[in-house]
């Protein structure tokens, strides 16, 4: 569609709304034309458009007030690492019997992605529930080991996200808001459980965590006191971290804070491991963001996304206004990838991990402008990283008062309405695992989430708000 007019010099000026080819044709004829990038909201889907009209219209004031409350709770949260404990002591579902936690929404054993299945098998061996890989796999297939999404038990883990009873976990709490969350300790690179391998080395590292690193960290926190996790993250953000794919600077800040405690209580092997693992702070960030997201959850009527999680097979999300209700779709491939030499896109597993909780709090893909080094993964530079942060601002309710890049808050509060209307989905900076060989991480990239669960969430929220009062 074009709308011609005359400027003061008598020349025809055209505003072209819609297809760019119309504007190009006019300019080829030396006619001034300005393009407006417009498309029908929600791809013109009548059900989605109707729901959006009501959520912005008749329910608009209700949703806006609920979103403001949810974001206020998110901003008020001060999650602090207070302890490191064996998972069975702090996560009730792991206290009895044979249960393992995993990343992503609920899933049946026969649908497990290869990396997650390998990690679960290795966890069975670590716990002593089976003697070999075949025996552990048989336990899973027979249903003799219960599987549960970590998010349903206040636990988050990167990539495969597996947590078993004997694994030490971070305990993160917000005392004022009475919230808590947990995450395993980051295992670092190589043949490790979180990266989807079932190698002997992965199990040995878990034994080191159980027998040395976990108890040492527990003593450090007992000696030093709680660590304000998001305060460190805010500092690291201005030192080149976006706190998802890159958290080296923030990890160094943590080591600085723990230095005197290490000197007092000892633990050379633990100190060496923490100092040498550039992903060590990742799990702590995740637990803190989970704690803050839980504070924002449960505000009825809110369209803010408080949970996004993937298991390599499915992706699932939840809204602050509909806690406990999963909206799922097939997990996406990781796009914009930088793969290690010898690997191709066909080797890559689909998107996996609980770590998108970081994006729900204004970090990671929402803060790419802070980490130009991460831009290399999608072939860009600092300007491209900034552009991606600005793009994410189009689907968020607000700017963070806690996290800022160059004096401006990062986008925060992913609004399912905006995602559905604009068809711009959240971007998650993440690693890439091998799809079938157990080789572990083969690269990194940016995962663009599918639109379907956001659309389903919009329809469900509209139905809930439009239902007649009992």
Protein backbone atom coordinates (compact mmCIF):
# COMPACT_ATOMS: atom_id res chain seq x y z
CA UNK A 1 0.00 0.00 0.00
CA UNK A 2 1.29 3.47 -0.82
CA UNK A 3 0.15 6.90 0.29
CA UNK A 4 1.37 9.70 -2.02
CA UNK A 5 1.62 13.35 -1.05
CA UNK A 6 3.35 16.47 -2.35
CA UNK A 7 6.16 18.16 -0.48
CA UNK A 8 6.69 21.92 -0.53
CA UNK A 9 8.72 21.69 -3.76
CA UNK A 10 5.99 19.86 -5.57
CA UNK A 11 7.74 16.51 -5.70
CA UNK A 12 5.83 13.28 -5.10
CA UNK A 13 6.75 11.69 -1.76
CA UNK A 14 5.57 8.17 -1.00
CA UNK A 15 5.26 6.35 2.32
CA UNK A 16 5.37 2.65 1.56
CA UNK A 17 3.74 0.46 4.20
CA UNK A 18 4.35 -3.24 3.88
CA UNK A 19 6.31 -4.94 1.12
CA UNK A 20 9.71 -3.36 0.57
CA UNK A 21 9.61 -4.22 -3.15
CA UNK A 22 7.03 -1.45 -3.74
CA UNK A 23 9.37 1.16 -2.33
CA UNK A 24 12.28 -0.23 -4.32
CA UNK A 25 10.27 -0.01 -7.55
CA UNK A 26 9.43 3.63 -6.89
CA UNK A 27 13.00 4.56 -6.04
CA UNK A 28 14.13 2.90 -9.28
CA UNK A 29 11.91 5.48 -11.04
CA UNK A 30 13.54 8.31 -9.05
CA UNK A 31 10.51 8.80 -6.80
CA UNK A 32 11.23 9.49 -3.15
CA UNK A 33 9.84 6.67 -1.03
CA UNK A 34 10.08 5.97 2.68
CA UNK A 35 9.55 2.37 3.82
CA UNK A 36 7.59 1.53 6.98
CA UNK A 37 8.29 -1.97 8.26
CA UNK A 38 4.77 -3.12 9.06
CA UNK A 39 3.24 -6.53 9.24
CA UNK A 40 -0.04 -7.82 10.67
CA UNK A 41 0.23 -8.48 14.42
CA UNK A 42 0.63 -12.15 15.36
CA UNK A 43 0.93 -12.98 11.64
CA UNK A 44 -2.74 -12.16 11.29
CA UNK A 45 -3.85 -15.22 13.26
CA UNK A 46 -7.46 -14.37 14.26
CA UNK A 47 -7.40 -16.17 17.63
CA UNK A 48 -4.13 -14.55 18.67
CA UNK A 49 -5.20 -11.13 17.40
CA UNK A 50 -8.45 -11.38 19.34
CA UNK A 51 -6.62 -12.36 22.53
CA UNK A 52 -4.12 -9.53 22.08
CA UNK A 53 -6.91 -7.01 21.54
CA UNK A 54 -8.45 -8.01 24.87
CA UNK A 55 -5.13 -8.20 26.74
CA UNK A 56 -4.19 -4.70 25.56
CA UNK A 57 -7.77 -3.43 25.69
CA UNK A 58 -10.41 -4.58 28.17
CA UNK A 59 -7.82 -6.40 30.32
CA UNK A 60 -5.02 -3.91 29.61
CA UNK A 61 -5.12 -2.06 32.93
CA UNK A 62 -5.22 -5.35 34.86
CA UNK A 63 -2.24 -6.78 32.98
CA UNK A 64 -0.24 -3.55 33.23
CA UNK A 65 -0.75 -3.35 37.01
CA UNK A 66 0.12 -7.03 37.43
CA UNK A 67 3.27 -6.65 35.32
CA UNK A 68 4.35 -3.67 37.38
CA UNK A 69 3.94 -5.69 40.59
CA UNK A 70 5.84 -8.66 39.16
CA UNK A 71 8.73 -6.48 37.99
CA UNK A 72 8.80 -4.66 41.31
CA UNK A 73 9.19 -7.99 43.11
CA UNK A 74 11.93 -8.99 40.68
CA UNK A 75 13.76 -5.72 41.33
CA UNK A 76 13.39 -5.98 45.10
CA UNK A 77 14.87 -9.48 45.31
CA UNK A 78 18.33 -9.72 46.90
CA UNK A 79 19.32 -13.38 46.46
CA UNK A 80 22.41 -14.34 48.45
CA UNK A 81 24.42 -17.55 48.43
CA UNK A 82 24.17 -18.75 52.02
CA UNK A 83 25.36 -22.35 51.90
CA UNK A 84 26.48 -25.36 49.89
CA UNK A 85 24.77 -28.59 50.91
CA UNK A 86 24.18 -32.11 49.53
CA UNK A 87 21.07 -31.89 47.37
CA UNK A 88 19.20 -34.52 49.37
CA UNK A 89 19.38 -32.30 52.47
CA UNK A 90 17.68 -29.25 50.91
CA UNK A 91 15.56 -30.52 47.98
CA UNK A 92 12.82 -32.72 49.49
CA UNK A 93 12.10 -34.76 46.35
CA UNK A 94 15.70 -36.01 46.39
CA UNK A 95 15.55 -37.03 50.05
CA UNK A 96 14.13 -40.51 49.54
CA UNK A 97 14.16 -43.10 46.79
CA UNK A 98 15.66 -42.80 43.35
CA UNK A 99 14.87 -39.47 41.74
CA UNK A 100 16.88 -37.29 39.38
CA UNK A 101 16.23 -33.70 38.36
CA UNK A 102 16.78 -32.49 34.80
CA UNK A 103 16.55 -29.29 32.79
CA UNK A 104 13.51 -28.30 30.76
CA UNK A 105 9.83 -29.21 31.05
CA UNK A 106 8.63 -32.71 32.04
CA UNK A 107 9.71 -35.49 29.69
CA UNK A 108 9.32 -39.25 29.40
CA UNK A 109 12.46 -41.45 29.26
CA UNK A 110 11.88 -42.55 25.65
CA UNK A 111 11.89 -38.90 24.47
CA UNK A 112 15.14 -37.87 26.15
CA UNK A 113 17.71 -36.12 23.98
CA UNK A 114 20.99 -38.05 23.82
CA UNK A 115 23.06 -35.56 25.91
CA UNK A 116 20.48 -35.49 28.69
CA UNK A 117 20.09 -39.26 28.70
CA UNK A 118 23.86 -39.70 28.99
CA UNK A 119 23.97 -37.29 31.91
CA UNK A 120 21.16 -39.12 33.70
CA UNK A 121 22.90 -42.46 33.14
CA UNK A 122 26.13 -41.06 34.59
CA UNK A 123 24.22 -39.73 37.60
CA UNK A 124 22.84 -43.22 38.26
CA UNK A 125 26.39 -44.59 38.27
CA UNK A 126 27.59 -41.76 40.52
CA UNK A 127 24.84 -42.60 43.03
CA UNK A 128 25.72 -46.30 42.90
CA UNK A 129 22.30 -47.32 41.61
CA UNK A 130 23.83 -49.33 38.75
CA UNK A 131 27.14 -51.05 38.02
CA UNK A 132 27.57 -50.03 34.40
CA UNK A 133 26.14 -47.85 31.65
CA UNK A 134 23.82 -50.56 30.36
CA UNK A 135 22.41 -51.18 33.81
CA UNK A 136 21.85 -47.48 34.42
CA UNK A 137 20.10 -47.12 31.06
CA UNK A 138 17.85 -50.06 31.90
CA UNK A 139 16.83 -48.37 35.17
CA UNK A 140 15.78 -45.25 33.28
CA UNK A 141 13.89 -47.17 30.60
CA UNK A 142 12.02 -49.26 33.17
CA UNK A 143 10.97 -46.18 35.12
CA UNK A 144 12.87 -47.37 38.20
CA UNK A 145 14.40 -43.90 38.48
CA UNK A 146 11.90 -41.05 38.68
CA UNK A 147 12.60 -37.99 36.56
CA UNK A 148 11.46 -34.51 37.52
CA UNK A 149 12.02 -31.03 36.08
CA UNK A 150 14.38 -29.15 38.37
CA UNK A 151 12.32 -25.98 37.97
CA UNK A 152 9.39 -27.65 39.72
CA UNK A 153 11.61 -28.08 42.77
CA UNK A 154 13.32 -24.64 42.80
CA UNK A 155 16.42 -26.07 41.14
CA UNK A 156 18.11 -24.91 37.94
CA UNK A 157 21.06 -26.39 36.11
CA UNK A 158 22.80 -25.45 32.87
CA UNK A 159 22.66 -27.62 29.74
CA UNK A 160 21.53 -31.11 30.86
CA UNK A 161 20.69 -29.67 34.27
CA UNK A 162 20.97 -33.03 36.04
CA UNK A 163 21.00 -33.08 39.83
CA UNK A 164 21.16 -36.21 41.98
CA UNK A 165 20.86 -36.64 45.76
CA UNK A 166 24.61 -36.72 46.53
CA UNK A 167 25.58 -33.71 44.44
CA UNK A 168 26.44 -30.54 46.37
CA UNK A 169 24.25 -27.55 45.46
CA UNK A 170 24.35 -23.82 46.00
CA UNK A 171 21.65 -22.66 48.41
CA UNK A 172 20.54 -19.14 47.47
CA UNK A 173 18.02 -17.28 49.61
CA UNK A 174 16.21 -14.00 49.85
CA UNK A 175 15.36 -13.82 53.52
CA UNK A 176 13.10 -10.77 53.26
CA UNK A 177 10.96 -12.29 50.51
CA UNK A 178 11.16 -15.84 51.93
CA UNK A 179 12.41 -17.27 48.64
CA UNK A 180 15.10 -19.85 47.94
CA UNK A 181 16.59 -21.66 44.96
CA UNK A 182 19.30 -24.22 44.24
CA UNK A 183 21.82 -25.09 41.56
CA UNK A 184 24.55 -27.66 41.18
CA UNK A 185 28.19 -26.56 41.05
CA UNK A 186 29.55 -25.89 37.60
CA UNK A 187 31.74 -28.77 36.41
CA UNK A 188 33.80 -26.82 33.89
CA UNK A 189 34.82 -27.90 30.39
CA UNK A 190 35.67 -31.34 29.06
CA UNK A 191 33.98 -34.66 29.66
CA UNK A 192 31.43 -33.54 32.22
CA UNK A 193 27.85 -34.34 33.15
CA UNK A 194 26.37 -30.92 32.35
CA UNK A 195 27.78 -31.13 28.82
CA UNK A 196 26.07 -34.46 28.14
CA UNK A 197 28.80 -37.05 28.55
CA UNK A 198 28.70 -40.33 30.47
CA UNK A 199 32.47 -40.80 30.57
CA UNK A 200 34.33 -42.05 33.63
CA UNK A 201 35.97 -38.62 33.97
CA UNK A 202 32.56 -37.01 34.48
CA UNK A 203 31.76 -39.30 37.40
CA UNK A 204 35.19 -38.77 38.95
CA UNK A 205 34.68 -35.01 38.88
CA UNK A 206 31.37 -35.43 40.70
CA UNK A 207 33.13 -37.46 43.38
CA UNK A 208 35.64 -34.63 43.80
CA UNK A 209 32.72 -32.22 44.18
CA UNK A 210 31.04 -34.45 46.75
CA UNK A 211 34.16 -35.17 48.80
CA UNK A 212 36.21 -31.96 48.45
CA UNK A 213 34.85 -28.95 46.57
CA UNK A 214 31.34 -28.99 48.08
CA UNK A 215 32.46 -29.29 51.72
CA UNK A 216 35.20 -26.68 51.14
CA UNK A 217 32.73 -24.16 49.71
CA UNK A 218 30.40 -24.84 52.62
CA UNK A 219 33.19 -23.98 55.07
CA UNK A 220 34.08 -20.86 53.08
CA UNK A 221 30.54 -19.51 53.27
CA UNK A 222 30.29 -20.40 56.94
CA UNK A 223 33.47 -18.41 57.54
CA UNK A 224 32.80 -15.48 55.20
CA UNK A 225 29.03 -15.17 55.34
CA UNK A 226 26.53 -14.82 52.48
CA UNK A 227 27.47 -13.58 49.00
CA UNK A 228 25.22 -11.04 47.25
CA UNK A 229 25.19 -12.75 43.86
CA UNK A 230 23.44 -10.17 41.71
CA UNK A 231 25.55 -7.36 43.13
CA UNK A 232 28.62 -9.16 41.79
CA UNK A 233 26.79 -9.77 38.51
CA UNK A 234 26.04 -6.06 38.15
CA UNK A 235 29.75 -5.30 38.56
CA UNK A 236 30.78 -8.02 36.11
CA UNK A 237 28.33 -6.69 33.54
CA UNK A 238 30.46 -3.57 33.26
CA UNK A 239 33.63 -5.65 32.95
CA UNK A 240 32.68 -7.45 29.73
CA UNK A 241 30.36 -10.20 31.00
CA UNK A 242 26.77 -10.78 29.91
CA UNK A 243 26.59 -13.44 32.66
CA UNK A 244 25.38 -16.33 30.56
CA UNK A 245 27.94 -17.33 27.97
CA UNK A 246 30.65 -15.19 29.55
CA UNK A 247 31.14 -14.65 33.30
CA UNK A 248 34.93 -14.64 33.68
CA UNK A 249 35.13 -11.19 35.24
CA UNK A 250 32.36 -11.95 37.73
CA UNK A 251 34.01 -15.24 38.64
CA UNK A 252 37.18 -13.31 39.41
CA UNK A 253 35.18 -10.97 41.66
CA UNK A 254 33.87 -14.01 43.52
CA UNK A 255 37.40 -15.37 43.97
CA UNK A 256 38.46 -11.99 45.36
CA UNK A 257 35.61 -12.11 47.88
CA UNK A 258 36.46 -15.67 48.91
CA UNK A 259 40.23 -15.14 49.06
CA UNK A 260 40.49 -14.38 52.77
CA UNK A 261 38.23 -17.33 53.60
CA UNK A 262 40.39 -19.65 51.47
CA UNK A 263 43.42 -18.40 53.42
CA UNK A 264 41.64 -19.13 56.70
CA UNK A 265 40.09 -22.55 56.01
CA UNK A 266 42.37 -23.93 53.30
CA UNK A 267 41.37 -25.98 50.29
CA UNK A 268 44.08 -25.80 47.66
CA UNK A 269 42.45 -28.27 45.26
CA UNK A 270 39.12 -26.46 45.49
CA UNK A 271 40.75 -23.06 44.96
CA UNK A 272 42.64 -24.35 41.93
CA UNK A 273 39.47 -25.71 40.39
CA UNK A 274 37.39 -22.57 40.97
CA UNK A 275 40.14 -20.30 39.66
CA UNK A 276 40.57 -22.43 36.54
CA UNK A 277 36.88 -22.80 35.62
CA UNK A 278 35.71 -19.72 33.71
CA UNK A 279 32.09 -20.92 33.88
CA UNK A 280 32.09 -21.37 37.65
CA UNK A 281 29.89 -18.33 38.34
CA UNK A 282 27.25 -19.41 35.80
CA UNK A 283 25.40 -21.77 38.11
CA UNK A 284 25.44 -19.23 40.92
CA UNK A 285 23.92 -16.62 38.60
CA UNK A 286 21.24 -19.11 37.62
CA UNK A 287 20.29 -19.91 41.21
CA UNK A 288 20.09 -16.20 42.04
CA UNK A 289 17.95 -15.47 38.97
CA UNK A 290 15.69 -18.41 39.81
CA UNK A 291 15.25 -17.04 43.33
CA UNK A 292 14.37 -13.58 41.94
CA UNK A 293 12.02 -15.07 39.32
CA UNK A 294 10.20 -17.02 42.00
CA UNK A 295 9.64 -13.74 43.82
CA UNK A 296 8.00 -12.34 40.67
CA UNK A 297 5.87 -15.43 40.10
CA UNK A 298 2.29 -15.75 41.23
CA UNK A 299 1.06 -12.25 40.33
CA UNK A 300 -2.28 -13.10 38.76
CA UNK A 301 -2.86 -11.42 35.43
CA UNK A 302 0.80 -10.81 34.63
CA UNK A 303 2.06 -11.56 31.12
CA UNK A 304 5.71 -11.46 32.21
CA UNK A 305 7.70 -14.62 31.42
CA UNK A 306 9.35 -15.90 34.59
CA UNK A 307 10.59 -19.26 33.34
CA UNK A 308 12.08 -20.48 30.06
CA UNK A 309 13.70 -23.89 30.02
CA UNK A 310 14.78 -26.46 27.42
CA UNK A 311 15.70 -30.14 27.61
CA UNK A 312 17.00 -30.74 24.10
CA UNK A 313 13.61 -32.12 23.05
CA UNK A 314 11.11 -29.49 24.22
CA UNK A 315 11.15 -25.89 25.36
CA UNK A 316 8.76 -24.77 28.07
CA UNK A 317 7.87 -21.43 29.59
CA UNK A 318 5.68 -20.11 32.38
CA UNK A 319 4.11 -16.72 33.09
CA UNK A 320 4.13 -14.82 36.36
CA UNK A 321 0.34 -14.80 36.11
CA UNK A 322 -0.01 -18.57 35.60
CA UNK A 323 2.62 -20.26 37.81
CA UNK A 324 3.02 -24.00 37.38
CA UNK A 325 1.40 -24.02 33.92
CA UNK A 326 3.87 -25.15 31.24
CA UNK A 327 3.53 -23.92 27.66
CA UNK A 328 5.69 -26.13 25.45
CA UNK A 329 6.91 -26.62 21.89
CA UNK A 330 9.75 -28.52 20.19
CA UNK A 331 13.17 -27.20 21.22
CA UNK A 332 14.85 -25.01 18.62
CA UNK A 333 18.23 -25.58 17.00
CA UNK A 334 20.93 -23.18 18.15
CA UNK A 335 21.45 -20.61 15.43
CA UNK A 336 24.26 -18.10 14.89
CA UNK A 337 26.75 -20.75 15.97
CA UNK A 338 30.51 -20.84 16.09
CA UNK A 339 31.44 -24.53 16.02
CA UNK A 340 34.78 -26.12 16.76
CA UNK A 341 36.83 -27.36 13.84
CA UNK A 342 35.58 -30.64 12.44
CA UNK A 343 31.94 -30.20 13.46
CA UNK A 344 28.96 -29.13 11.36
CA UNK A 345 25.43 -27.96 12.07
CA UNK A 346 24.26 -31.54 11.61
CA UNK A 347 26.26 -32.58 14.69
CA UNK A 348 24.52 -30.10 17.00
CA UNK A 349 21.90 -31.01 19.59
CA UNK A 350 18.86 -28.80 19.94
CA UNK A 351 18.70 -26.07 22.55
CA UNK A 352 19.03 -27.36 26.11
CA UNK A 353 19.30 -26.06 29.68
CA UNK A 354 17.58 -24.12 32.47
CA UNK A 355 19.95 -21.20 32.00
CA UNK A 356 17.41 -19.01 30.17
CA UNK A 357 16.26 -17.99 33.65
CA UNK A 358 19.15 -15.54 33.29
CA UNK A 359 17.43 -13.82 30.35
CA UNK A 360 14.25 -13.57 32.43
CA UNK A 361 16.15 -11.27 34.79
CA UNK A 362 17.74 -8.95 32.22
CA UNK A 363 21.08 -10.68 31.66
CA UNK A 364 22.48 -13.01 28.99
CA UNK A 365 20.83 -12.34 25.64
CA UNK A 366 19.24 -9.20 27.09
CA UNK A 367 22.68 -7.79 27.90
CA UNK A 368 24.74 -8.66 24.82
CA UNK A 369 25.77 -5.01 24.53
CA UNK A 370 27.92 -5.53 27.63
CA UNK A 371 29.96 -8.33 26.06
CA UNK A 372 31.29 -7.53 22.58
CA UNK A 373 33.45 -10.67 22.77
CA UNK A 374 30.28 -12.77 22.64
CA UNK A 375 29.34 -11.09 19.35
CA UNK A 376 31.95 -13.28 17.65
CA UNK A 377 29.61 -16.23 18.04
CA UNK A 378 27.19 -14.70 15.57
CA UNK A 379 29.82 -13.07 13.37
CA UNK A 380 29.20 -9.58 14.68
CA UNK A 381 30.94 -6.77 16.51
CA UNK A 382 30.13 -4.43 19.39
CA UNK A 383 27.55 -2.57 17.30
CA UNK A 384 25.82 -5.83 16.42
CA UNK A 385 25.74 -6.85 20.09
CA UNK A 386 24.17 -3.51 21.01
CA UNK A 387 21.60 -3.89 18.22
CA UNK A 388 20.57 -7.27 19.59
CA UNK A 389 20.09 -5.83 23.06
CA UNK A 390 17.92 -3.07 21.60
CA UNK A 391 15.90 -5.68 19.70
CA UNK A 392 15.20 -7.49 22.95
CA UNK A 393 13.99 -4.19 24.38
CA UNK A 394 11.07 -4.35 21.95
CA UNK A 395 9.62 -7.40 23.72
CA UNK A 396 10.26 -6.37 27.32
CA UNK A 397 8.10 -4.35 29.71
CA UNK A 398 10.86 -2.26 31.24
CA UNK A 399 14.53 -1.47 31.69
CA UNK A 400 16.40 -2.90 34.66
CA UNK A 401 17.24 -0.66 37.58
CA UNK A 402 19.81 -3.23 38.71
CA UNK A 403 21.74 -4.02 35.53
CA UNK A 404 22.97 -1.25 33.26
CA UNK A 405 25.21 -1.02 30.20
CA UNK A 406 26.65 2.40 29.31
CA UNK A 407 24.27 4.00 31.78
CA UNK A 408 21.10 2.38 30.42
CA UNK A 409 19.25 -0.49 32.03
CA UNK A 410 19.11 -3.79 30.22
CA UNK A 411 15.71 -4.95 28.90
CA UNK A 412 13.81 -6.87 31.56
CA UNK A 413 10.38 -8.45 31.87
CA UNK A 414 9.79 -10.44 28.69
CA UNK A 415 6.13 -9.76 27.82
CA UNK A 416 4.42 -12.69 26.12
CA UNK A 417 2.00 -10.25 24.49
CA UNK A 418 4.82 -8.38 22.74
CA UNK A 419 6.53 -11.59 21.66
CA UNK A 420 3.29 -12.87 20.12
CA UNK A 421 2.35 -9.55 18.51
CA UNK A 422 5.75 -8.65 17.05
CA UNK A 423 6.89 -12.23 16.39
CA UNK A 424 10.26 -11.43 17.95
CA UNK A 425 11.29 -14.21 20.31
CA UNK A 426 13.87 -14.09 23.12
CA UNK A 427 17.48 -14.83 22.21
CA UNK A 428 19.49 -17.02 24.55
CA UNK A 429 23.28 -17.09 24.50
CA UNK A 430 24.22 -20.73 25.01
CA UNK A 431 26.56 -23.61 24.34
CA UNK A 432 26.09 -26.26 21.66
CA UNK A 433 26.31 -29.95 22.57
CA UNK A 434 26.91 -32.88 20.23
CA UNK A 435 23.62 -34.51 19.33
CA UNK A 436 24.64 -38.14 19.60
CA UNK A 437 28.28 -38.98 20.30
CA UNK A 438 28.75 -37.84 23.88
CA UNK A 439 31.55 -35.52 22.71
CA UNK A 440 30.21 -32.73 24.94
CA UNK A 441 30.34 -29.10 23.92
CA UNK A 442 31.19 -28.50 20.27
CA UNK A 443 30.55 -24.76 20.06
CA UNK A 444 28.37 -21.87 21.16
CA UNK A 445 25.75 -19.60 19.69
CA UNK A 446 22.44 -17.82 20.11
CA UNK A 447 19.20 -19.78 20.36
CA UNK A 448 16.07 -18.00 19.12
CA UNK A 449 13.06 -19.48 20.87
CA UNK A 450 9.99 -20.76 18.97
CA UNK A 451 6.92 -18.56 18.88
CA UNK A 452 4.33 -21.25 19.67
CA UNK A 453 4.57 -21.39 23.48
CA UNK A 454 4.32 -17.60 23.76
CA UNK A 455 1.20 -17.62 21.58
CA UNK A 456 -0.29 -20.42 23.68
CA UNK A 457 0.50 -18.48 26.85
CA UNK A 458 -1.26 -15.39 25.47
CA UNK A 459 -4.35 -17.42 24.60
CA UNK A 460 -4.39 -19.05 28.04
CA UNK A 461 -3.94 -15.75 29.90
CA UNK A 462 -6.74 -14.19 27.88
CA UNK A 463 -9.01 -17.15 28.64
CA UNK A 464 -8.21 -16.93 32.35
CA UNK A 465 -8.93 -13.19 32.52
CA UNK A 466 -12.04 -13.47 30.32
CA UNK A 467 -13.60 -16.32 32.29
CA UNK A 468 -16.72 -15.32 34.19
CA UNK A 469 -16.25 -14.85 37.93
CA UNK A 470 -17.52 -17.83 39.98
